[in-house]
Amino acid sequence: MTLPRYAFIKANWHSDIVDRALDGFAELIPMDQIDVYDVPGAFEMPLLARDLAQTGRYAAVAAAAFVVDGGIYRHDFVAQAVVDGLMRAGFDSGVPVLSVSLTPHHYQETDHHNAIYRAHFVEKGREAARAALKITETRAALRPAVAAA
Protein backbone atom coordinates (compact mmCIF):
# COMPACT_ATOMS: atom_id res chain seq x y z
CA MET A 1 0.00 0.00 0.00
CA THR A 2 1.37 3.38 -1.01
CA LEU A 3 1.35 6.06 1.67
CA PRO A 4 -0.46 9.26 0.78
CA ARG A 5 1.58 12.28 -0.26
CA TYR A 6 0.98 15.85 0.80
CA ALA A 7 2.06 19.11 -0.77
CA PHE A 8 3.07 22.00 1.48
CA ILE A 9 3.37 25.48 -0.04
CA LYS A 10 5.02 28.21 1.95
CA ALA A 11 5.33 31.88 1.17
CA ASN A 12 8.83 33.28 1.51
CA TRP A 13 7.64 36.61 2.93
CA HIS A 14 8.39 36.40 6.69
CA SER A 15 9.87 32.93 6.14
CA ASP A 16 11.39 32.92 9.63
CA ILE A 17 7.79 32.74 10.90
CA VAL A 18 6.01 30.92 8.04
CA ASP A 19 8.51 28.06 7.91
CA ARG A 20 7.49 27.10 11.45
CA ALA A 21 4.16 25.87 10.03
CA LEU A 22 6.04 23.20 8.10
CA ASP A 23 7.79 22.22 11.35
CA GLY A 24 4.41 21.63 12.99
CA PHE A 25 3.01 19.85 9.91
CA ALA A 26 6.01 17.50 9.85
CA GLU A 27 5.52 16.58 13.50
CA LEU A 28 2.46 14.57 12.42
CA ILE A 29 3.19 13.71 8.78
CA PRO A 30 6.67 12.40 8.00
CA MET A 31 8.80 14.60 5.73
CA ASP A 32 9.21 11.72 3.28
CA GLN A 33 5.47 12.05 2.54
CA ILE A 34 5.63 15.83 2.06
CA ASP A 35 6.72 17.74 -1.04
CA VAL A 36 7.60 21.34 -0.16
CA TYR A 37 7.16 24.25 -2.55
CA ASP A 38 8.26 27.84 -1.96
CA VAL A 39 6.52 30.83 -3.50
CA PRO A 40 7.42 34.53 -3.22
CA GLY A 41 4.31 35.55 -1.31
CA ALA A 42 0.77 34.66 -0.36
CA PHE A 43 -0.76 35.79 -3.65
CA GLU A 44 1.11 33.07 -5.56
CA MET A 45 -0.22 30.22 -3.42
CA PRO A 46 -3.72 29.58 -4.85
CA LEU A 47 -2.59 29.00 -8.44
CA LEU A 48 0.20 26.64 -7.39
CA ALA A 49 -2.17 24.88 -4.96
CA ARG A 50 -4.61 24.26 -7.80
CA ASP A 51 -1.86 23.04 -10.13
CA LEU A 52 -0.45 20.68 -7.50
CA ALA A 53 -3.88 19.36 -6.58
CA GLN A 54 -4.73 18.69 -10.22
CA THR A 55 -1.68 16.45 -10.63
CA GLY A 56 -3.49 13.73 -8.70
CA ARG A 57 -0.34 13.06 -6.64
CA TYR A 58 -1.55 14.56 -3.37
CA ALA A 59 -4.15 13.59 -0.80
CA ALA A 60 -4.17 17.23 0.33
CA VAL A 61 -2.34 20.50 -0.22
CA ALA A 62 -1.51 22.89 2.63
CA ALA A 63 -0.49 26.50 2.07
CA ALA A 64 1.12 28.79 4.65
CA ALA A 65 1.59 32.55 4.61
CA PHE A 66 1.80 35.49 7.00
CA VAL A 67 -0.01 38.51 5.57
CA VAL A 68 0.76 41.65 7.53
CA ASP A 69 -0.18 45.28 7.21
CA GLY A 70 2.79 46.78 5.42
CA GLY A 71 1.13 50.16 5.07
CA ILE A 72 1.19 49.99 1.27
CA TYR A 73 -1.86 47.85 0.51
CA ARG A 74 -4.90 46.52 2.29
CA HIS A 75 -3.58 43.34 3.87
CA ASP A 76 -7.10 42.19 4.71
CA PHE A 77 -7.96 42.34 0.99
CA VAL A 78 -4.90 40.25 0.13
CA ALA A 79 -5.67 37.72 2.87
CA GLN A 80 -9.29 37.36 1.74
CA ALA A 81 -8.26 36.92 -1.90
CA VAL A 82 -5.74 34.23 -0.90
CA VAL A 83 -8.17 32.27 1.25
CA ASP A 84 -10.88 32.51 -1.44
CA GLY A 85 -8.37 31.34 -4.05
CA LEU A 86 -7.26 28.39 -1.93
CA MET A 87 -10.88 27.39 -1.36
CA ARG A 88 -11.57 27.60 -5.08
CA ALA A 89 -8.45 25.52 -5.83
CA GLY A 90 -9.88 22.78 -3.64
CA PHE A 91 -13.29 22.96 -5.26
CA ASP A 92 -11.87 23.05 -8.79
CA SER A 93 -9.52 20.13 -8.23
CA GLY A 94 -11.55 17.97 -5.86
CA VAL A 95 -8.51 17.78 -3.56
CA PRO A 96 -8.55 19.34 -0.09
CA VAL A 97 -6.57 22.58 0.03
CA LEU A 98 -5.87 23.74 3.56
CA SER A 99 -4.96 27.26 4.61
CA VAL A 100 -2.38 28.15 7.21
CA SER A 101 -2.59 31.78 6.14
CA LEU A 102 -2.73 34.17 9.06
CA THR A 103 -3.43 37.89 9.10
CA PRO A 104 -2.74 39.47 12.48
CA HIS A 105 -4.41 42.76 13.28
CA HIS A 106 -1.62 44.21 15.39
CA TYR A 107 1.66 42.66 14.30
CA GLN A 108 4.83 44.59 15.05
CA GLU A 109 8.22 43.35 14.00
CA THR A 110 9.56 42.92 17.52
CA ASP A 111 11.27 39.93 19.13
CA HIS A 112 8.21 39.45 21.32
CA HIS A 113 5.70 39.36 18.44
CA ASN A 114 7.99 37.23 16.27
CA ALA A 115 8.30 34.64 19.04
CA ILE A 116 4.53 34.57 19.53
CA TYR A 117 3.83 34.08 15.82
CA ARG A 118 6.59 31.49 15.34
CA ALA A 119 5.00 29.38 18.08
CA HIS A 120 1.53 30.02 16.67
CA PHE A 121 2.60 28.87 13.21
CA VAL A 122 3.95 25.61 14.64
CA GLU A 123 0.54 24.95 16.17
CA LYS A 124 -1.29 25.96 12.99
CA GLY A 125 0.95 23.56 11.06
CA ARG A 126 -0.04 20.77 13.43
CA GLU A 127 -3.70 21.67 12.97
CA ALA A 128 -3.32 21.57 9.18
CA ALA A 129 -1.65 18.14 9.43
CA ARG A 130 -4.46 16.83 11.61
CA ALA A 131 -6.99 18.14 9.10
CA ALA A 132 -5.07 16.65 6.16
CA LEU A 133 -4.87 13.25 7.85
CA LYS A 134 -8.52 13.27 8.84
CA ILE A 135 -9.84 14.35 5.45
CA THR A 136 -7.61 11.73 3.78
CA GLU A 137 -9.01 9.04 6.08
CA THR A 138 -12.60 10.18 5.59
CA ARG A 139 -12.33 10.35 1.82
CA ALA A 140 -10.68 6.90 1.69
CA ALA A 141 -13.60 5.48 3.68
CA LEU A 142 -16.06 7.05 1.22
CA ARG A 143 -14.44 5.54 -1.88
CA PRO A 144 -16.06 2.09 -1.60
CA ALA A 145 -19.50 3.66 -1.07
CA VAL A 146 -19.04 6.03 -4.01
CA ALA A 147 -17.78 3.21 -6.27
CA ALA A 148 -20.79 1.04 -5.35
CA ALA A 149 -23.30 3.79 -6.12
C-alpha atoms as a PDB file:
ATOM      1  CA  MET A   1       0.000   0.000   0.000  1.00  0.00           C
ATOM      2  CA  THR A   2       1.369   3.377  -1.007  1.00  0.00           C
ATOM      3  CA  LEU A   3       1.353   6.056   1.668  1.00  0.00           C
ATOM      4  CA  PRO A   4      -0.464   9.260   0.777  1.00  0.00           C
ATOM      5  CA  ARG A   5       1.580  12.284  -0.256  1.00  0.00           C
ATOM      6  CA  TYR A   6       0.976  15.846   0.796  1.00  0.00           C
ATOM      7  CA  ALA A   7       2.065  19.115  -0.771  1.00  0.00           C
ATOM      8  CA  PHE A   8       3.075  21.998   1.476  1.00  0.00           C
ATOM      9  CA  ILE A   9       3.368  25.477  -0.044  1.00  0.00           C
ATOM     10  CA  LYS A  10       5.021  28.215   1.949  1.00  0.00           C
ATOM     11  CA  ALA A  11       5.326  31.881   1.174  1.00  0.00           C
ATOM     12  CA  ASN A  12       8.833  33.285   1.514  1.00  0.00           C
ATOM     13  CA  TRP A  13       7.644  36.607   2.929  1.00  0.00           C
ATOM     14  CA  HIS A  14       8.394  36.400   6.688  1.00  0.00           C
ATOM     15  CA  SER A  15       9.868  32.929   6.141  1.00  0.00           C
ATOM     16  CA  ASP A  16      11.390  32.920   9.629  1.00  0.00           C
ATOM     17  CA  ILE A  17       7.794  32.736  10.898  1.00  0.00           C
ATOM     18  CA  VAL A  18       6.008  30.918   8.042  1.00  0.00           C
ATOM     19  CA  ASP A  19       8.505  28.055   7.910  1.00  0.00           C
ATOM     20  CA  ARG A  20       7.494  27.096  11.452  1.00  0.00           C
ATOM     21  CA  ALA A  21       4.164  25.873  10.034  1.00  0.00           C
ATOM     22  CA  LEU A  22       6.043  23.204   8.101  1.00  0.00           C
ATOM     23  CA  ASP A  23       7.787  22.221  11.347  1.00  0.00           C
ATOM     24  CA  GLY A  24       4.413  21.626  12.988  1.00  0.00           C
ATOM     25  CA  PHE A  25       3.009  19.849   9.914  1.00  0.00           C
ATOM     26  CA  ALA A  26       6.012  17.505   9.849  1.00  0.00           C
ATOM     27  CA  GLU A  27       5.519  16.575  13.503  1.00  0.00           C
ATOM     28  CA  LEU A  28       2.459  14.572  12.419  1.00  0.00           C
ATOM     29  CA  ILE A  29       3.192  13.713   8.781  1.00  0.00           C
ATOM     30  CA  PRO A  30       6.674  12.396   7.996  1.00  0.00           C
ATOM     31  CA  MET A  31       8.798  14.602   5.730  1.00  0.00           C
ATOM     32  CA  ASP A  32       9.213  11.719   3.280  1.00  0.00           C
ATOM     33  CA  GLN A  33       5.474  12.053   2.541  1.00  0.00           C
ATOM     34  CA  ILE A  34       5.633  15.833   2.059  1.00  0.00           C
ATOM     35  CA  ASP A  35       6.722  17.742  -1.040  1.00  0.00           C
ATOM     36  CA  VAL A  36       7.603  21.337  -0.164  1.00  0.00           C
ATOM     37  CA  TYR A  37       7.161  24.250  -2.550  1.00  0.00           C
ATOM     38  CA  ASP A  38       8.255  27.837  -1.964  1.00  0.00           C
ATOM     39  CA  VAL A  39       6.516  30.833  -3.499  1.00  0.00           C
ATOM     40  CA  PRO A  40       7.423  34.529  -3.220  1.00  0.00           C
ATOM     41  CA  GLY A  41       4.307  35.546  -1.307  1.00  0.00           C
ATOM     42  CA  ALA A  42       0.767  34.656  -0.358  1.00  0.00           C
ATOM     43  CA  PHE A  43      -0.761  35.786  -3.652  1.00  0.00           C
ATOM     44  CA  GLU A  44       1.113  33.071  -5.560  1.00  0.00           C
ATOM     45  CA  MET A  45      -0.220  30.222  -3.417  1.00  0.00           C
ATOM     46  CA  PRO A  46      -3.717  29.582  -4.854  1.00  0.00           C
ATOM     47  CA  LEU A  47      -2.590  28.998  -8.436  1.00  0.00           C
ATOM     48  CA  LEU A  48       0.203  26.639  -7.386  1.00  0.00           C
ATOM     49  CA  ALA A  49      -2.167  24.877  -4.961  1.00  0.00           C
ATOM     50  CA  ARG A  50      -4.610  24.264  -7.804  1.00  0.00           C
ATOM     51  CA  ASP A  51      -1.863  23.044 -10.129  1.00  0.00           C
ATOM     52  CA  LEU A  52      -0.451  20.677  -7.500  1.00  0.00           C
ATOM     53  CA  ALA A  53      -3.881  19.362  -6.580  1.00  0.00           C
ATOM     54  CA  GLN A  54      -4.733  18.689 -10.215  1.00  0.00           C
ATOM     55  CA  THR A  55      -1.676  16.445 -10.627  1.00  0.00           C
ATOM     56  CA  GLY A  56      -3.493  13.727  -8.696  1.00  0.00           C
ATOM     57  CA  ARG A  57      -0.338  13.064  -6.642  1.00  0.00           C
ATOM     58  CA  TYR A  58      -1.555  14.563  -3.372  1.00  0.00           C
ATOM     59  CA  ALA A  59      -4.147  13.588  -0.798  1.00  0.00           C
ATOM     60  CA  ALA A  60      -4.175  17.228   0.326  1.00  0.00           C
ATOM     61  CA  VAL A  61      -2.339  20.497  -0.219  1.00  0.00           C
ATOM     62  CA  ALA A  62      -1.513  22.895   2.628  1.00  0.00           C
ATOM     63  CA  ALA A  63      -0.486  26.504   2.068  1.00  0.00           C
ATOM     64  CA  ALA A  64       1.117  28.795   4.653  1.00  0.00           C
ATOM     65  CA  ALA A  65       1.587  32.545   4.609  1.00  0.00           C
ATOM     66  CA  PHE A  66       1.799  35.487   6.996  1.00  0.00           C
ATOM     67  CA  VAL A  67      -0.012  38.507   5.566  1.00  0.00           C
ATOM     68  CA  VAL A  68       0.756  41.649   7.534  1.00  0.00           C
ATOM     69  CA  ASP A  69      -0.184  45.279   7.213  1.00  0.00           C
ATOM     70  CA  GLY A  70       2.792  46.778   5.417  1.00  0.00           C
ATOM     71  CA  GLY A  71       1.127  50.161   5.074  1.00  0.00           C
ATOM     72  CA  ILE A  72       1.187  49.985   1.268  1.00  0.00           C
ATOM     73  CA  TYR A  73      -1.857  47.848   0.513  1.00  0.00           C
ATOM     74  CA  ARG A  74      -4.905  46.518   2.286  1.00  0.00           C
ATOM     75  CA  HIS A  75      -3.575  43.336   3.871  1.00  0.00           C
ATOM     76  CA  ASP A  76      -7.099  42.192   4.707  1.00  0.00           C
ATOM     77  CA  PHE A  77      -7.961  42.337   0.988  1.00  0.00           C
ATOM     78  CA  VAL A  78      -4.901  40.250   0.133  1.00  0.00           C
ATOM     79  CA  ALA A  79      -5.668  37.717   2.866  1.00  0.00           C
ATOM     80  CA  GLN A  80      -9.288  37.362   1.735  1.00  0.00           C
ATOM     81  CA  ALA A  81      -8.257  36.921  -1.901  1.00  0.00           C
ATOM     82  CA  VAL A  82      -5.736  34.229  -0.901  1.00  0.00           C
ATOM     83  CA  VAL A  83      -8.174  32.269   1.248  1.00  0.00           C
ATOM     84  CA  ASP A  84     -10.878  32.513  -1.436  1.00  0.00           C
ATOM     85  CA  GLY A  85      -8.365  31.343  -4.051  1.00  0.00           C
ATOM     86  CA  LEU A  86      -7.260  28.390  -1.925  1.00  0.00           C
ATOM     87  CA  MET A  87     -10.876  27.387  -1.364  1.00  0.00           C
ATOM     88  CA  ARG A  88     -11.569  27.595  -5.082  1.00  0.00           C
ATOM     89  CA  ALA A  89      -8.447  25.523  -5.827  1.00  0.00           C
ATOM     90  CA  GLY A  90      -9.878  22.781  -3.643  1.00  0.00           C
ATOM     91  CA  PHE A  91     -13.295  22.963  -5.259  1.00  0.00           C
ATOM     92  CA  ASP A  92     -11.870  23.051  -8.792  1.00  0.00           C
ATOM     93  CA  SER A  93      -9.518  20.132  -8.226  1.00  0.00           C
ATOM     94  CA  GLY A  94     -11.550  17.966  -5.859  1.00  0.00           C
ATOM     95  CA  VAL A  95      -8.505  17.779  -3.560  1.00  0.00           C
ATOM     96  CA  PRO A  96      -8.555  19.340  -0.092  1.00  0.00           C
ATOM     97  CA  VAL A  97      -6.568  22.584   0.029  1.00  0.00           C
ATOM     98  CA  LEU A  98      -5.868  23.736   3.565  1.00  0.00           C
ATOM     99  CA  SER A  99      -4.964  27.260   4.608  1.00  0.00           C
ATOM    100  CA  VAL A 100      -2.384  28.151   7.209  1.00  0.00           C
ATOM    101  CA  SER A 101      -2.592  31.777   6.140  1.00  0.00           C
ATOM    102  CA  LEU A 102      -2.730  34.172   9.056  1.00  0.00           C
ATOM    103  CA  THR A 103      -3.429  37.890   9.100  1.00  0.00           C
ATOM    104  CA  PRO A 104      -2.737  39.472  12.483  1.00  0.00           C
ATOM    105  CA  HIS A 105      -4.411  42.756  13.284  1.00  0.00           C
ATOM    106  CA  HIS A 106      -1.616  44.210  15.393  1.00  0.00           C
ATOM    107  CA  TYR A 107       1.662  42.659  14.297  1.00  0.00           C
ATOM    108  CA  GLN A 108       4.826  44.586  15.046  1.00  0.00           C
ATOM    109  CA  GLU A 109       8.222  43.347  14.003  1.00  0.00           C
ATOM    110  CA  THR A 110       9.556  42.922  17.519  1.00  0.00           C
ATOM    111  CA  ASP A 111      11.271  39.931  19.128  1.00  0.00           C
ATOM    112  CA  HIS A 112       8.210  39.446  21.324  1.00  0.00           C
ATOM    113  CA  HIS A 113       5.703  39.358  18.443  1.00  0.00           C
ATOM    114  CA  ASN A 114       7.989  37.234  16.270  1.00  0.00           C
ATOM    115  CA  ALA A 115       8.304  34.642  19.043  1.00  0.00           C
ATOM    116  CA  ILE A 116       4.527  34.566  19.533  1.00  0.00           C
ATOM    117  CA  TYR A 117       3.835  34.078  15.823  1.00  0.00           C
ATOM    118  CA  ARG A 118       6.586  31.490  15.342  1.00  0.00           C
ATOM    119  CA  ALA A 119       4.999  29.376  18.083  1.00  0.00           C
ATOM    120  CA  HIS A 120       1.534  30.022  16.673  1.00  0.00           C
ATOM    121  CA  PHE A 121       2.598  28.870  13.208  1.00  0.00           C
ATOM    122  CA  VAL A 122       3.954  25.607  14.638  1.00  0.00           C
ATOM    123  CA  GLU A 123       0.541  24.951  16.175  1.00  0.00           C
ATOM    124  CA  LYS A 124      -1.293  25.965  12.992  1.00  0.00           C
ATOM    125  CA  GLY A 125       0.951  23.557  11.057  1.00  0.00           C
ATOM    126  CA  ARG A 126      -0.036  20.774  13.428  1.00  0.00           C
ATOM    127  CA  GLU A 127      -3.704  21.675  12.967  1.00  0.00           C
ATOM    128  CA  ALA A 128      -3.316  21.569   9.180  1.00  0.00           C
ATOM    129  CA  ALA A 129      -1.646  18.145   9.427  1.00  0.00           C
ATOM    130  CA  ARG A 130      -4.465  16.832  11.609  1.00  0.00           C
ATOM    131  CA  ALA A 131      -6.991  18.145   9.100  1.00  0.00           C
ATOM    132  CA  ALA A 132      -5.066  16.647   6.161  1.00  0.00           C
ATOM    133  CA  LEU A 133      -4.867  13.247   7.850  1.00  0.00           C
ATOM    134  CA  LYS A 134      -8.524  13.267   8.844  1.00  0.00           C
ATOM    135  CA  ILE A 135      -9.844  14.346   5.451  1.00  0.00           C
ATOM    136  CA  THR A 136      -7.609  11.729   3.777  1.00  0.00           C
ATOM    137  CA  GLU A 137      -9.012   9.039   6.084  1.00  0.00           C
ATOM    138  CA  THR A 138     -12.601  10.178   5.593  1.00  0.00           C
ATOM    139  CA  ARG A 139     -12.330  10.346   1.818  1.00  0.00           C
ATOM    140  CA  ALA A 140     -10.684   6.899   1.694  1.00  0.00           C
ATOM    141  CA  ALA A 141     -13.599   5.476   3.676  1.00  0.00           C
ATOM    142  CA  LEU A 142     -16.063   7.048   1.221  1.00  0.00           C
ATOM    143  CA  ARG A 143     -14.445   5.543  -1.882  1.00  0.00           C
ATOM    144  CA  PRO A 144     -16.061   2.091  -1.599  1.00  0.00           C
ATOM    145  CA  ALA A 145     -19.500   3.662  -1.066  1.00  0.00           C
ATOM    146  CA  VAL A 146     -19.039   6.027  -4.008  1.00  0.00           C
ATOM    147  CA  ALA A 147     -17.785   3.214  -6.267  1.00  0.00           C
ATOM    148  CA  ALA A 148     -20.786   1.036  -5.354  1.00  0.00           C
ATOM    149  CA  ALA A 149     -23.302   3.792  -6.117  1.00  0.00           C
END
